[in-house]
Amino acid sequence: MKAIRSASFNLFVLSLLLFAGSLTASAQSESTSVALTEQLDSIESRLVESESREKQILENQAKILEELHKLRFLVRRS
């Protein structure tokens, strides 16, 4: 009888340890998930900024080309 109680108690303690371990693993997994989400948000933000700068550069290049064509036309006329 004493052996059964001891085994039962040991199983109970083991169950508690496994439960605590699963909670810890779950918390670590959630923490990792939050960190990864933050990194992805940061990357997305930088890509949006990069696209915006690239668009501005292309617009500036188009303006410069337009001005060069105007200058070329003026040089030919003179």
N, C-alpha and C. Protein backbone atom coordinates (compact mmCIF):
# COMPACT_ATOMS: atom_id res chain seq x y z
N MET A 1 0.82 -1.18 0.00
CA MET A 1 0.00 0.00 0.00
C MET A 1 0.87 1.26 0.00
N LYS A 2 1.93 1.19 0.83
CA LYS A 2 2.83 2.34 0.91
C LYS A 2 3.52 2.57 -0.43
N ALA A 3 3.86 1.51 -1.12
CA ALA A 3 4.52 1.61 -2.42
C ALA A 3 3.58 2.24 -3.45
N ILE A 4 2.29 1.89 -3.36
CA ILE A 4 1.31 2.46 -4.30
C ILE A 4 1.17 3.95 -4.06
N ARG A 5 1.10 4.36 -2.78
CA ARG A 5 1.01 5.79 -2.46
C ARG A 5 2.24 6.53 -2.94
N SER A 6 3.40 5.94 -2.74
CA SER A 6 4.65 6.56 -3.15
C SER A 6 4.70 6.71 -4.67
N ALA A 7 4.28 5.66 -5.37
CA ALA A 7 4.27 5.72 -6.84
C ALA A 7 3.25 6.74 -7.32
N SER A 8 2.11 6.78 -6.65
CA SER A 8 1.06 7.74 -7.02
C SER A 8 1.55 9.17 -6.80
N PHE A 9 2.21 9.38 -5.66
CA PHE A 9 2.76 10.71 -5.36
C PHE A 9 3.82 11.09 -6.39
N ASN A 10 4.69 10.12 -6.72
CA ASN A 10 5.73 10.39 -7.72
C ASN A 10 5.13 10.76 -9.08
N LEU A 11 4.05 10.06 -9.46
CA LEU A 11 3.38 10.38 -10.72
C LEU A 11 2.76 11.78 -10.67
N PHE A 12 2.20 12.12 -9.51
CA PHE A 12 1.61 13.45 -9.34
C PHE A 12 2.68 14.53 -9.48
N VAL A 13 3.81 14.34 -8.82
CA VAL A 13 4.92 15.30 -8.91
C VAL A 13 5.43 15.39 -10.34
N LEU A 14 5.56 14.24 -10.99
CA LEU A 14 6.01 14.22 -12.38
C LEU A 14 5.03 14.97 -13.28
N SER A 15 3.74 14.78 -13.04
CA SER A 15 2.71 15.49 -13.81
C SER A 15 2.84 17.00 -13.62
N LEU A 16 3.05 17.41 -12.37
CA LEU A 16 3.22 18.85 -12.10
C LEU A 16 4.46 19.40 -12.81
N LEU A 17 5.55 18.64 -12.78
CA LEU A 17 6.77 19.08 -13.44
C LEU A 17 6.58 19.19 -14.96
N LEU A 18 5.89 18.21 -15.53
CA LEU A 18 5.62 18.25 -16.97
C LEU A 18 4.72 19.44 -17.32
N PHE A 19 3.72 19.69 -16.48
CA PHE A 19 2.84 20.82 -16.70
C PHE A 19 3.61 22.13 -16.62
N ALA A 20 4.45 22.27 -15.60
CA ALA A 20 5.27 23.48 -15.46
C ALA A 20 6.21 23.62 -16.65
N GLY A 21 6.77 22.52 -17.10
CA GLY A 21 7.66 22.56 -18.27
C GLY A 21 6.93 22.99 -19.52
N SER A 22 5.70 22.50 -19.69
CA SER A 22 4.93 22.89 -20.88
C SER A 22 4.56 24.37 -20.82
N LEU A 23 4.26 24.88 -19.61
CA LEU A 23 3.97 26.31 -19.47
C LEU A 23 5.19 27.14 -19.82
N THR A 24 6.35 26.70 -19.35
CA THR A 24 7.60 27.41 -19.64
C THR A 24 7.88 27.40 -21.14
N ALA A 25 7.71 26.24 -21.77
CA ALA A 25 7.94 26.13 -23.21
C ALA A 25 6.97 27.00 -23.97
N SER A 26 5.72 27.03 -23.51
CA SER A 26 4.71 27.86 -24.16
C SER A 26 5.06 29.34 -24.04
N ALA A 27 5.51 29.75 -22.85
CA ALA A 27 5.89 31.15 -22.64
C ALA A 27 7.09 31.52 -23.51
N GLN A 28 8.06 30.61 -23.61
CA GLN A 28 9.23 30.87 -24.45
C GLN A 28 8.82 30.94 -25.92
N SER A 29 7.92 30.06 -26.32
CA SER A 29 7.45 30.06 -27.70
C SER A 29 6.72 31.36 -28.01
N GLU A 30 5.89 31.81 -27.08
CA GLU A 30 5.16 33.07 -27.28
C GLU A 30 6.13 34.24 -27.33
N SER A 31 7.13 34.23 -26.46
CA SER A 31 8.14 35.28 -26.45
C SER A 31 8.90 35.31 -27.77
N THR A 32 9.26 34.14 -28.26
CA THR A 32 9.95 34.04 -29.54
C THR A 32 9.05 34.54 -30.66
N SER A 33 7.79 34.19 -30.61
CA SER A 33 6.83 34.62 -31.63
C SER A 33 6.69 36.14 -31.63
N VAL A 34 6.62 36.73 -30.45
CA VAL A 34 6.53 38.19 -30.35
C VAL A 34 7.78 38.85 -30.91
N ALA A 35 8.94 38.31 -30.57
CA ALA A 35 10.20 38.87 -31.07
C ALA A 35 10.29 38.77 -32.59
N LEU A 36 9.89 37.62 -33.13
CA LEU A 36 9.91 37.45 -34.59
C LEU A 36 8.93 38.40 -35.27
N THR A 37 7.76 38.58 -34.68
CA THR A 37 6.77 39.50 -35.24
C THR A 37 7.32 40.92 -35.24
N GLU A 38 7.98 41.31 -34.17
CA GLU A 38 8.58 42.65 -34.11
C GLU A 38 9.65 42.82 -35.18
N GLN A 39 10.47 41.79 -35.38
CA GLN A 39 11.50 41.86 -36.41
C GLN A 39 10.89 41.96 -37.80
N LEU A 40 9.84 41.19 -38.04
CA LEU A 40 9.16 41.25 -39.34
C LEU A 40 8.54 42.62 -39.57
N ASP A 41 7.95 43.20 -38.53
CA ASP A 41 7.38 44.54 -38.65
C ASP A 41 8.46 45.56 -38.99
N SER A 42 9.61 45.42 -38.34
CA SER A 42 10.73 46.32 -38.60
C SER A 42 11.23 46.19 -40.04
N ILE A 43 11.35 44.96 -40.51
CA ILE A 43 11.79 44.73 -41.89
C ILE A 43 10.78 45.32 -42.87
N GLU A 44 9.51 45.10 -42.61
CA GLU A 44 8.47 45.63 -43.49
C GLU A 44 8.52 47.16 -43.52
N SER A 45 8.71 47.77 -42.37
CA SER A 45 8.80 49.23 -42.29
C SER A 45 9.98 49.75 -43.11
N ARG A 46 11.13 49.08 -42.99
CA ARG A 46 12.31 49.50 -43.75
C ARG A 46 12.10 49.33 -45.25
N LEU A 47 11.40 48.27 -45.65
CA LEU A 47 11.12 48.06 -47.07
C LEU A 47 10.20 49.14 -47.62
N VAL A 48 9.21 49.52 -46.83
CA VAL A 48 8.30 50.59 -47.26
C VAL A 48 9.07 51.89 -47.41
N GLU A 49 9.95 52.20 -46.45
CA GLU A 49 10.77 53.40 -46.54
C GLU A 49 11.67 53.35 -47.77
N SER A 50 12.25 52.19 -48.02
CA SER A 50 13.13 52.02 -49.17
C SER A 50 12.36 52.22 -50.48
N GLU A 51 11.16 51.66 -50.56
CA GLU A 51 10.34 51.83 -51.76
C GLU A 51 9.99 53.30 -51.96
N SER A 52 9.70 53.99 -50.88
CA SER A 52 9.37 55.42 -50.96
C SER A 52 10.56 56.21 -51.48
N ARG A 53 11.75 55.91 -50.95
CA ARG A 53 12.96 56.60 -51.42
C ARG A 53 13.24 56.27 -52.88
N GLU A 54 13.05 55.01 -53.25
CA GLU A 54 13.28 54.60 -54.63
C GLU A 54 12.32 55.34 -55.58
N LYS A 55 11.08 55.46 -55.17
CA LYS A 55 10.09 56.19 -55.97
C LYS A 55 10.51 57.64 -56.14
N GLN A 56 10.96 58.26 -55.05
CA GLN A 56 11.40 59.66 -55.10
C GLN A 56 12.61 59.81 -56.03
N ILE A 57 13.53 58.86 -55.97
CA ILE A 57 14.72 58.90 -56.83
C ILE A 57 14.30 58.80 -58.30
N LEU A 58 13.39 57.90 -58.60
CA LEU A 58 12.92 57.75 -59.99
C LEU A 58 12.22 59.02 -60.48
N GLU A 59 11.43 59.63 -59.60
CA GLU A 59 10.77 60.89 -59.97
C GLU A 59 11.80 61.98 -60.24
N ASN A 60 12.83 62.04 -59.39
CA ASN A 60 13.89 63.04 -59.59
C ASN A 60 14.65 62.78 -60.88
N GLN A 61 14.92 61.52 -61.18
CA GLN A 61 15.61 61.19 -62.43
C GLN A 61 14.78 61.61 -63.64
N ALA A 62 13.48 61.40 -63.58
CA ALA A 62 12.60 61.79 -64.68
C ALA A 62 12.63 63.31 -64.87
N LYS A 63 12.63 64.06 -63.77
CA LYS A 63 12.70 65.53 -63.86
C LYS A 63 14.03 65.97 -64.46
N ILE A 64 15.10 65.32 -64.05
CA ILE A 64 16.43 65.67 -64.57
C ILE A 64 16.49 65.39 -66.07
N LEU A 65 15.97 64.24 -66.49
CA LEU A 65 15.95 63.92 -67.92
C LEU A 65 15.14 64.94 -68.71
N GLU A 66 14.02 65.33 -68.15
CA GLU A 66 13.19 66.34 -68.81
C GLU A 66 13.95 67.66 -68.98
N GLU A 67 14.65 68.06 -67.93
CA GLU A 67 15.43 69.30 -68.00
C GLU A 67 16.58 69.17 -69.00
N LEU A 68 17.21 67.99 -69.06
CA LEU A 68 18.28 67.77 -70.03
C LEU A 68 17.76 67.88 -71.46
N HIS A 69 16.58 67.33 -71.71
CA HIS A 69 15.99 67.43 -73.04
C HIS A 69 15.70 68.90 -73.39
N LYS A 70 15.22 69.65 -72.42
CA LYS A 70 14.96 71.08 -72.65
C LYS A 70 16.26 71.80 -72.98
N LEU A 71 17.31 71.50 -72.21
CA LEU A 71 18.61 72.14 -72.45
C LEU A 71 19.15 71.76 -73.83
N ARG A 72 19.03 70.50 -74.18
CA ARG A 72 19.50 70.04 -75.49
C ARG A 72 18.75 70.78 -76.60
N PHE A 73 17.46 70.94 -76.44
CA PHE A 73 16.66 71.66 -77.42
C PHE A 73 17.12 73.11 -77.53
N LEU A 74 17.38 73.75 -76.37
CA LEU A 74 17.84 75.15 -76.39
C LEU A 74 19.21 75.27 -77.04
N VAL A 75 20.09 74.31 -76.78
CA VAL A 75 21.44 74.34 -77.36
C VAL A 75 21.34 74.19 -78.88
N ARG A 76 20.48 73.34 -79.35
CA ARG A 76 20.33 73.14 -80.80
C ARG A 76 19.76 74.38 -81.47
N ARG A 77 18.90 75.08 -80.77
CA ARG A 77 18.29 76.28 -81.36
C ARG A 77 19.28 77.42 -81.45
N SER A 78 20.26 77.42 -80.60
CA SER A 78 21.18 78.56 -80.59
C SER A 78 22.36 78.41 -81.51
